[in-house]
Protein backbone atom coordinates (compact mmCIF):
# COMPACT_ATOMS: atom_id res chain seq x y z
CA MET A 1 -15.64 1.39 10.13
CA LEU A 2 -13.81 0.41 6.96
CA GLU A 3 -10.17 -0.59 6.78
CA ILE A 4 -8.23 -0.59 3.53
CA LEU A 5 -5.40 -3.10 3.93
CA ILE A 6 -2.80 -3.13 1.16
CA VAL A 7 -0.85 -6.40 1.14
CA ASP A 8 2.36 -7.63 -0.50
CA ALA A 9 3.09 -3.97 -1.15
CA GLU A 10 6.07 -3.34 -3.43
CA LEU A 11 7.48 -0.69 -1.12
CA GLN A 12 11.04 -1.25 0.11
CA LEU A 13 14.54 0.17 0.31
CA VAL A 14 17.11 -0.91 -2.28
CA PRO A 15 17.96 -4.60 -1.59
CA ALA A 16 21.50 -5.50 -0.49
CA GLU A 17 22.14 -7.29 -3.79
CA MET A 18 21.94 -3.95 -5.60
CA HIS A 19 24.03 -1.73 -3.30
CA GLY A 20 27.17 -2.06 -5.43
CA ASP A 21 25.46 -1.46 -8.75
CA LYS A 22 26.93 1.48 -10.70
CA GLN A 23 23.51 2.96 -11.51
CA ILE A 24 22.36 2.75 -7.89
CA ARG A 25 25.57 4.26 -6.55
CA LYS A 26 25.26 7.15 -9.01
CA LEU A 27 21.69 7.85 -7.88
CA ALA A 28 22.82 7.70 -4.25
CA VAL A 29 25.58 10.26 -4.88
CA GLU A 30 23.12 12.57 -6.65
CA ARG A 31 20.82 12.49 -3.63
CA GLY A 32 23.56 12.65 -1.01
CA LYS A 33 22.62 9.27 0.45
CA ARG A 34 24.02 5.77 0.76
CA PRO A 35 22.57 3.08 -1.56
CA GLU A 36 20.87 1.33 1.36
CA GLU A 37 19.03 4.55 2.23
CA LEU A 38 17.33 4.82 -1.17
CA LEU A 39 13.77 3.73 -1.84
CA LEU A 40 13.60 1.12 -4.59
CA ASP A 41 11.94 2.90 -7.50
CA SER A 42 11.56 1.25 -10.90
CA ASN A 43 10.92 4.65 -12.47
CA PHE A 44 14.64 5.37 -12.06
CA MET A 45 16.09 1.90 -11.39
CA HIS A 46 14.28 -0.29 -13.92
CA SER A 47 17.38 -1.62 -15.68
CA ALA A 48 19.22 -2.19 -12.38
CA ILE A 49 16.28 -4.15 -10.97
CA GLU A 50 16.17 -6.26 -14.13
CA ARG A 51 19.88 -7.05 -13.78
CA TYR A 52 19.50 -8.48 -10.28
CA PHE A 53 15.89 -9.68 -10.39
CA PRO A 54 15.21 -10.74 -14.01
CA GLY A 55 11.57 -10.56 -15.03
CA ARG A 56 10.50 -8.63 -11.94
CA SER A 57 11.37 -5.06 -12.92
CA ASN A 58 7.75 -4.19 -13.77
CA ARG A 59 6.53 -5.31 -10.35
CA MET A 60 9.28 -4.39 -7.88
CA GLY A 61 9.87 -0.87 -6.62
CA ARG A 62 6.57 0.95 -7.13
CA PRO A 63 6.36 3.83 -4.63
CA ASP A 64 4.56 5.85 -7.33
CA ILE A 65 1.39 3.79 -6.98
CA PHE A 66 1.41 4.31 -3.21
CA HIS A 67 1.78 8.06 -3.64
CA MET A 68 -1.44 8.02 -5.67
CA LEU A 69 -3.18 5.53 -3.38
CA MET A 70 -2.46 7.32 -0.11
CA ASN A 71 -3.58 10.69 -1.45
CA VAL A 72 -6.84 9.17 -2.74
CA VAL A 73 -7.60 7.28 0.49
CA LEU A 74 -6.66 9.96 3.00
CA GLU A 75 -8.48 12.73 1.11
CA SER A 76 -11.73 10.73 0.93
CA ILE A 77 -14.99 11.82 2.56
CA LEU A 78 -14.99 8.62 4.60
CA ASN A 79 -11.59 9.44 6.09
CA LYS A 80 -12.68 13.00 6.86
CA GLU A 81 -15.66 11.47 8.69
CA ALA A 82 -13.18 9.44 10.81
CA ASP A 83 -14.62 6.13 9.61
CA LEU A 84 -11.63 4.81 7.63
CA ARG A 85 -8.27 3.22 8.39
CA LEU A 86 -5.36 2.56 6.03
CA ASN A 87 -2.69 -0.05 6.73
CA ILE A 88 0.05 -1.34 4.43
CA HIS A 89 1.78 -4.74 4.65
CA THR A 90 4.94 -4.73 2.55
CA VAL A 91 6.44 -7.52 0.48
CA GLU A 92 9.21 -7.72 3.11
CA GLY A 93 6.67 -8.31 5.88
CA LYS A 94 6.77 -4.82 7.38
CA PHE A 95 3.45 -3.48 8.66
CA ILE A 96 2.84 0.25 8.18
CA LYS A 97 0.09 1.89 10.22
CA VAL A 98 -1.10 5.23 8.85
CA ASN A 99 -2.66 7.87 11.08
CA PRO A 100 -5.91 9.04 9.41
CA ASN A 101 -4.80 12.65 9.99
CA THR A 102 -1.65 12.22 7.91
CA ARG A 103 -1.30 14.62 5.00
CA ILE A 104 0.63 13.06 2.13
CA PRO A 105 2.92 15.47 0.22
CA LYS A 106 1.67 16.26 -3.27
CA SER A 107 5.30 16.34 -4.41
CA TYR A 108 6.46 12.84 -5.38
CA ASN A 109 10.06 13.58 -4.37
CA ARG A 110 8.98 14.67 -0.89
CA PHE A 111 6.85 11.54 -0.58
CA VAL A 112 9.82 9.33 -1.48
CA GLY A 113 11.93 11.04 1.19
CA LEU A 114 9.15 10.52 3.74
CA ILE A 115 8.89 6.78 3.05
CA GLU A 116 12.68 6.39 3.10
CA LYS A 117 12.72 7.95 6.55
CA LEU A 118 9.84 5.75 7.71
CA LEU A 119 11.52 2.52 6.58
CA GLN A 120 14.82 3.52 8.20
CA LYS A 121 13.64 5.15 11.44
CA GLY A 122 10.43 3.17 12.02
CA LYS A 123 8.11 6.16 12.36
CA ILE A 124 7.19 9.61 11.09
CA GLU A 125 6.14 12.29 13.56
CA SER A 126 4.50 15.68 13.11
CA PRO A 127 6.25 18.81 14.47
CA ASP A 128 4.14 18.53 17.65
CA GLY A 129 5.14 14.90 18.23
CA LYS A 130 2.09 13.05 16.89
CA VAL A 131 2.89 9.75 15.15
CA LEU A 132 1.71 9.98 11.54
CA MET A 133 3.07 6.64 10.29
CA ASN A 134 4.89 3.84 12.06
CA LEU A 135 6.13 0.30 11.58
CA ASP A 136 4.09 -2.04 13.78
CA LYS A 137 5.39 -5.40 15.00
CA ILE A 138 2.08 -7.20 14.42
CA SER A 139 2.09 -10.02 11.88
CA LEU A 140 -0.25 -10.06 8.90
CA ASN A 141 -1.98 -13.22 10.15
CA ASP A 142 -2.58 -11.77 13.62
CA HIS A 143 -3.99 -8.62 12.08
CA LEU A 144 -6.33 -10.57 9.80
CA ASN A 145 -7.57 -12.69 12.71
CA ASP A 146 -8.72 -9.84 14.94
CA GLY A 147 -12.44 -10.52 14.39
CA MET A 148 -13.13 -8.02 11.63
CA HIS A 149 -15.14 -8.93 8.53
CA ASN A 150 -12.47 -9.65 5.89
CA ILE A 151 -13.04 -9.29 2.14
CA LEU A 152 -10.28 -10.08 -0.37
CA LEU A 153 -10.38 -8.34 -3.74
CA SER A 154 -8.80 -10.30 -6.57
CA PRO A 155 -9.29 -10.67 -10.34
CA ASP A 156 -9.94 -14.35 -9.54
CA GLY A 157 -12.73 -13.54 -7.09
CA HIS A 158 -16.49 -13.72 -7.70
CA LEU A 159 -17.43 -10.83 -10.01
CA ILE A 160 -19.89 -8.41 -8.46
CA LYS A 161 -21.44 -6.79 -11.51
CA SER A 162 -22.98 -3.94 -9.55
CA GLY A 163 -19.67 -3.19 -7.85
CA VAL A 164 -21.54 -3.05 -4.52
CA LEU A 165 -19.72 -5.05 -1.85
CA PRO A 166 -21.67 -6.98 0.85
CA PHE A 167 -21.28 -4.59 3.77
CA ASP A 168 -23.25 -5.02 6.99
CA GLU A 169 -23.16 -3.69 10.55
CA ARG A 170 -19.74 -5.26 11.17
CA ASP A 171 -16.48 -3.36 10.79
CA THR A 172 -15.08 -4.43 7.44
CA ARG A 173 -11.56 -4.86 6.12
CA ILE A 174 -10.92 -4.78 2.36
CA VAL A 175 -7.70 -6.56 1.37
CA ILE A 176 -6.10 -5.24 -1.85
CA GLY A 177 -2.87 -6.32 -3.55
CA GLY A 178 -0.13 -3.68 -3.45
CA PHE A 179 1.49 -4.48 -6.79
CA SER A 180 1.00 -3.46 -10.41
CA GLU A 181 1.11 -6.97 -11.89
CA GLY A 182 1.31 -10.61 -10.85
CA LYS A 183 -0.25 -12.64 -8.05
CA PHE A 184 -0.41 -12.45 -4.27
CA ILE A 185 2.67 -13.77 -2.47
CA SER A 186 0.99 -14.12 0.93
CA ASP A 187 -1.49 -16.92 1.62
CA PHE A 188 -5.10 -15.71 1.89
CA SER A 189 -6.79 -19.10 1.74
CA GLY A 190 -8.32 -18.36 5.14
CA ILE A 191 -10.42 -15.50 3.74
CA GLU A 192 -13.68 -16.97 2.50
CA GLU A 193 -15.13 -13.88 0.81
CA LYS A 194 -13.22 -13.15 -2.40
CA TYR A 195 -14.62 -10.73 -4.95
CA SER A 196 -13.78 -8.87 -8.12
CA ILE A 197 -15.42 -5.50 -8.79
CA PHE A 198 -14.68 -5.25 -12.51
CA ASN A 199 -13.95 -7.58 -15.41
CA GLU A 200 -10.56 -5.98 -16.08
CA GLU A 201 -7.61 -5.32 -13.79
CA LEU A 202 -7.64 -1.88 -12.15
CA THR A 203 -4.99 0.26 -10.45
CA ILE A 204 -4.89 -0.14 -6.68
CA TRP A 205 -5.95 3.48 -6.11
CA THR A 206 -8.97 2.98 -8.37
CA VAL A 207 -9.94 -0.18 -6.49
CA ALA A 208 -9.55 1.56 -3.13
CA ASN A 209 -11.56 4.55 -4.33
CA GLU A 210 -14.41 2.32 -5.58
CA CYS A 211 -14.50 0.45 -2.26
CA ILE A 212 -14.54 3.65 -0.24
CA ALA A 213 -17.30 5.15 -2.41
CA SER A 214 -19.33 1.95 -2.05
CA TYR A 215 -18.98 2.09 1.75
CA GLU A 216 -19.90 5.78 1.76
CA ARG A 217 -23.11 4.91 -0.11
CA TYR A 218 -23.78 2.12 2.39
CA LEU A 219 -23.46 4.66 5.22
CA LYS A 220 -25.51 7.17 3.18
CA LEU A 221 -22.68 9.69 3.17
CA GLN A 222 -23.31 10.26 -0.54
């Protein structure tokens, strides 16, 4: 089994510091919500983020990359073969567990509404009561120390020119940064295996897709 674990994910509601901002309040009125109920989204809040968090507006508030990522991961052959798990650890320390049977909306606006509900209510259920996504109370360290084979992907890791990761009979967890630029915030010094799969930085959905395809080849699903 392969787990894709996205860490330090820039996925959060609008921070308290920004609730009184004119731009944020206008967006809230347009959507019929309170500022604290809005998902932080640099596509629409870039200047507001820059006002309160100078120099971080290109990193913070990136639900768009998770919309792409989750569609890629959950539509993969490996997931359809029930041999894949996706978990997301946010920059605020929240741990999102994703049911492999979850269908992510193709509409970005619907996806944003779904994540807003998840971060406020703690879970998303299907019409028949099945939990599709939920916030788990487990810590990142406890999750990483559950005995699985951990591999950290980083531009600073050892470059694997073939792009083929060292899978074996053990269940493997691939740790990928959930941000568009910058460095990890969490400490991963305890993970010994650190690799890079390309000599340039890639989007997180491309990295996840390459890892999944590599594991599918290892299992001879391709």
